[in-house]
C-alpha atoms as a PDB file:
ATOM      1  CA  UNK A   1      36.408   1.988 -27.182  1.00  0.00           C
ATOM      2  CA  UNK A   2      37.100  -1.648 -28.132  1.00  0.00           C
ATOM      3  CA  UNK A   3      36.720  -2.295 -24.964  1.00  0.00           C
ATOM      4  CA  UNK A   4      32.747  -0.721 -25.288  1.00  0.00           C
ATOM      5  CA  UNK A   5      32.039  -2.598 -28.198  1.00  0.00           C
ATOM      6  CA  UNK A   6      34.321  -6.343 -27.178  1.00  0.00           C
ATOM      7  CA  UNK A   7      31.827  -5.632 -23.782  1.00  0.00           C
ATOM      8  CA  UNK A   8      28.940  -5.527 -25.915  1.00  0.00           C
ATOM      9  CA  UNK A   9      29.527  -8.140 -28.281  1.00  0.00           C
ATOM     10  CA  UNK A  10      29.747 -10.614 -24.949  1.00  0.00           C
ATOM     11  CA  UNK A  11      27.378  -9.447 -23.563  1.00  0.00           C
ATOM     12  CA  UNK A  12      24.246 -12.300 -23.577  1.00  0.00           C
ATOM     13  CA  UNK A  13      22.198  -8.766 -22.984  1.00  0.00           C
ATOM     14  CA  UNK A  14      23.040  -7.414 -26.663  1.00  0.00           C
ATOM     15  CA  UNK A  15      21.360  -9.036 -29.264  1.00  0.00           C
ATOM     16  CA  UNK A  16      22.422  -6.824 -31.834  1.00  0.00           C
ATOM     17  CA  UNK A  17      25.215  -3.705 -31.827  1.00  0.00           C
ATOM     18  CA  UNK A  18      25.056  -0.957 -34.269  1.00  0.00           C
ATOM     19  CA  UNK A  19      28.001   0.946 -34.807  1.00  0.00           C
ATOM     20  CA  UNK A  20      26.159   4.437 -36.336  1.00  0.00           C
ATOM     21  CA  UNK A  21      29.669   6.825 -35.793  1.00  0.00           C
ATOM     22  CA  UNK A  22      33.564   5.429 -34.861  1.00  0.00           C
ATOM     23  CA  UNK A  23      37.220   7.664 -35.512  1.00  0.00           C
ATOM     24  CA  UNK A  24      39.500   6.106 -33.718  1.00  0.00           C
ATOM     25  CA  UNK A  25      42.524   8.778 -34.185  1.00  0.00           C
ATOM     26  CA  UNK A  26      45.220   9.834 -31.842  1.00  0.00           C
ATOM     27  CA  UNK A  27      43.990  12.802 -30.514  1.00  0.00           C
ATOM     28  CA  UNK A  28      40.305  12.329 -31.388  1.00  0.00           C
ATOM     29  CA  UNK A  29      38.041   8.623 -30.348  1.00  0.00           C
ATOM     30  CA  UNK A  30      34.615   9.140 -31.274  1.00  0.00           C
ATOM     31  CA  UNK A  31      31.695   6.368 -30.508  1.00  0.00           C
ATOM     32  CA  UNK A  32      28.399   6.413 -31.364  1.00  0.00           C
ATOM     33  CA  UNK A  33      26.753   3.115 -31.511  1.00  0.00           C
ATOM     34  CA  UNK A  34      23.463   1.311 -30.215  1.00  0.00           C
ATOM     35  CA  UNK A  35      23.260  -1.986 -28.746  1.00  0.00           C
ATOM     36  CA  UNK A  36      19.666  -3.844 -29.036  1.00  0.00           C
ATOM     37  CA  UNK A  37      18.965  -5.866 -26.136  1.00  0.00           C
ATOM     38  CA  UNK A  38      17.172  -8.988 -25.030  1.00  0.00           C
ATOM     39  CA  UNK A  39      14.390  -7.451 -23.956  1.00  0.00           C
ATOM     40  CA  UNK A  40      13.094  -4.651 -26.250  1.00  0.00           C
ATOM     41  CA  UNK A  41      15.031  -2.226 -24.852  1.00  0.00           C
ATOM     42  CA  UNK A  42      18.483  -0.429 -26.479  1.00  0.00           C
ATOM     43  CA  UNK A  43      21.469   1.139 -24.951  1.00  0.00           C
ATOM     44  CA  UNK A  44      22.901   3.971 -26.889  1.00  0.00           C
ATOM     45  CA  UNK A  45      26.223   4.909 -26.207  1.00  0.00           C
ATOM     46  CA  UNK A  46      27.843   7.953 -26.919  1.00  0.00           C
ATOM     47  CA  UNK A  47      31.959   8.788 -25.923  1.00  0.00           C
ATOM     48  CA  UNK A  48      34.540  11.522 -27.674  1.00  0.00           C
ATOM     49  CA  UNK A  49      37.855  11.251 -26.319  1.00  0.00           C
ATOM     50  CA  UNK A  50      40.262  14.285 -27.218  1.00  0.00           C
ATOM     51  CA  UNK A  51      43.508  15.672 -24.880  1.00  0.00           C
ATOM     52  CA  UNK A  52      40.950  18.358 -23.256  1.00  0.00           C
ATOM     53  CA  UNK A  53      37.955  16.156 -23.909  1.00  0.00           C
ATOM     54  CA  UNK A  54      35.777  12.844 -21.816  1.00  0.00           C
ATOM     55  CA  UNK A  55      32.655  13.597 -22.333  1.00  0.00           C
ATOM     56  CA  UNK A  56      30.024  10.748 -22.499  1.00  0.00           C
ATOM     57  CA  UNK A  57      26.365   9.066 -22.171  1.00  0.00           C
ATOM     58  CA  UNK A  58      25.359   5.845 -21.513  1.00  0.00           C
ATOM     59  CA  UNK A  59      20.723   6.411 -22.392  1.00  0.00           C
ATOM     60  CA  UNK A  60      19.349   3.211 -22.399  1.00  0.00           C
ATOM     61  CA  UNK A  61      15.608   3.748 -23.102  1.00  0.00           C
ATOM     62  CA  UNK A  62      12.790   1.215 -23.131  1.00  0.00           C
ATOM     63  CA  UNK A  63      11.856   0.105 -26.814  1.00  0.00           C
ATOM     64  CA  UNK A  64       9.242   3.339 -27.786  1.00  0.00           C
ATOM     65  CA  UNK A  65      11.450   5.755 -25.976  1.00  0.00           C
ATOM     66  CA  UNK A  66      10.502   6.455 -22.775  1.00  0.00           C
ATOM     67  CA  UNK A  67      14.360   6.922 -20.817  1.00  0.00           C
ATOM     68  CA  UNK A  68      14.918   4.625 -18.637  1.00  0.00           C
ATOM     69  CA  UNK A  69      18.579   5.590 -16.770  1.00  0.00           C
ATOM     70  CA  UNK A  70      20.804   7.971 -18.370  1.00  0.00           C
ATOM     71  CA  UNK A  71      24.573   8.410 -17.023  1.00  0.00           C
ATOM     72  CA  UNK A  72      26.393  11.613 -18.529  1.00  0.00           C
ATOM     73  CA  UNK A  73      28.761  13.854 -17.943  1.00  0.00           C
ATOM     74  CA  UNK A  74      26.855  16.816 -19.341  1.00  0.00           C
ATOM     75  CA  UNK A  75      27.412  19.819 -17.081  1.00  0.00           C
ATOM     76  CA  UNK A  76      24.195  21.106 -16.904  1.00  0.00           C
ATOM     77  CA  UNK A  77      23.996  20.021 -13.002  1.00  0.00           C
ATOM     78  CA  UNK A  78      26.466  22.153 -11.167  1.00  0.00           C
ATOM     79  CA  UNK A  79      24.328  21.318  -8.158  1.00  0.00           C
ATOM     80  CA  UNK A  80      24.782  17.381  -8.090  1.00  0.00           C
ATOM     81  CA  UNK A  81      27.367  16.479  -5.816  1.00  0.00           C
ATOM     82  CA  UNK A  82      29.090  13.897  -8.484  1.00  0.00           C
ATOM     83  CA  UNK A  83      29.521  17.131 -11.083  1.00  0.00           C
ATOM     84  CA  UNK A  84      29.326  16.601 -13.886  1.00  0.00           C
ATOM     85  CA  UNK A  85      29.083  13.516 -13.352  1.00  0.00           C
ATOM     86  CA  UNK A  86      25.031  12.506 -12.953  1.00  0.00           C
ATOM     87  CA  UNK A  87      23.037  10.227 -13.633  1.00  0.00           C
ATOM     88  CA  UNK A  88      19.211  10.571 -15.101  1.00  0.00           C
ATOM     89  CA  UNK A  89      16.350   8.317 -13.870  1.00  0.00           C
ATOM     90  CA  UNK A  90      12.976   7.485 -15.854  1.00  0.00           C
ATOM     91  CA  UNK A  91      12.773  11.870 -16.719  1.00  0.00           C
ATOM     92  CA  UNK A  92      15.086  14.382 -17.384  1.00  0.00           C
ATOM     93  CA  UNK A  93      14.428  16.146 -14.559  1.00  0.00           C
ATOM     94  CA  UNK A  94      14.964  13.295 -12.112  1.00  0.00           C
ATOM     95  CA  UNK A  95      18.867  13.811 -11.992  1.00  0.00           C
ATOM     96  CA  UNK A  96      20.962  11.701  -9.102  1.00  0.00           C
ATOM     97  CA  UNK A  97      24.656  11.816  -8.307  1.00  0.00           C
ATOM     98  CA  UNK A  98      26.801   9.203  -9.277  1.00  0.00           C
ATOM     99  CA  UNK A  99      30.198   8.366 -10.370  1.00  0.00           C
ATOM    100  CA  UNK A 100      31.739   7.661 -14.098  1.00  0.00           C
ATOM    101  CA  UNK A 101      30.669   3.704 -14.390  1.00  0.00           C
ATOM    102  CA  UNK A 102      32.644   1.374 -16.834  1.00  0.00           C
ATOM    103  CA  UNK A 103      30.792  -0.168 -19.795  1.00  0.00           C
ATOM    104  CA  UNK A 104      30.279  -3.534 -17.512  1.00  0.00           C
ATOM    105  CA  UNK A 105      29.865  -1.523 -14.614  1.00  0.00           C
ATOM    106  CA  UNK A 106      26.311  -0.704 -16.377  1.00  0.00           C
ATOM    107  CA  UNK A 107      25.589  -3.368 -18.560  1.00  0.00           C
ATOM    108  CA  UNK A 108      26.165  -5.686 -15.146  1.00  0.00           C
ATOM    109  CA  UNK A 109      23.939  -2.713 -13.977  1.00  0.00           C
ATOM    110  CA  UNK A 110      21.004  -3.239 -16.631  1.00  0.00           C
ATOM    111  CA  UNK A 111      21.363  -6.783 -16.282  1.00  0.00           C
ATOM    112  CA  UNK A 112      20.207  -7.644 -13.155  1.00  0.00           C
ATOM    113  CA  UNK A 113      17.155  -4.946 -13.920  1.00  0.00           C
ATOM    114  CA  UNK A 114      16.361  -7.006 -16.861  1.00  0.00           C
ATOM    115  CA  UNK A 115      17.049 -10.218 -14.674  1.00  0.00           C
ATOM    116  CA  UNK A 116      15.134  -8.799 -11.448  1.00  0.00           C
ATOM    117  CA  UNK A 117      11.857  -7.846 -14.531  1.00  0.00           C
ATOM    118  CA  UNK A 118      11.894 -11.530 -16.030  1.00  0.00           C
ATOM    119  CA  UNK A 119      11.364 -13.245 -12.730  1.00  0.00           C
ATOM    120  CA  UNK A 120       9.032 -10.407 -11.385  1.00  0.00           C
ATOM    121  CA  UNK A 121       7.368 -11.020 -15.146  1.00  0.00           C
ATOM    122  CA  UNK A 122       7.086  -8.074 -16.346  1.00  0.00           C
END
């Protein structure tokens, strides 16, 4: 949880960080935050960790709320090879295999996408 906040706070693509909910207890860790990004998009992060549960969602969307990509482990797609881990690409129904990324991997991916988009003039 602390690594996520520190990584986002250091990232040059994060323009604003809003912690919506945070619980840091020995048997329960909850983090829900919004990172506003320099291109107007937003990254919503939800993590819940208990001794028997490790649930995450890294949801990246445009400024007007359109899904760009979401990595999560909700157990809704048992046919995906990396079940329960998966990634939604541009729509809820476009589900692809994905291992659980670290926050550093997510930020690096988004940074590359934002940089590529800026280089393309869009």
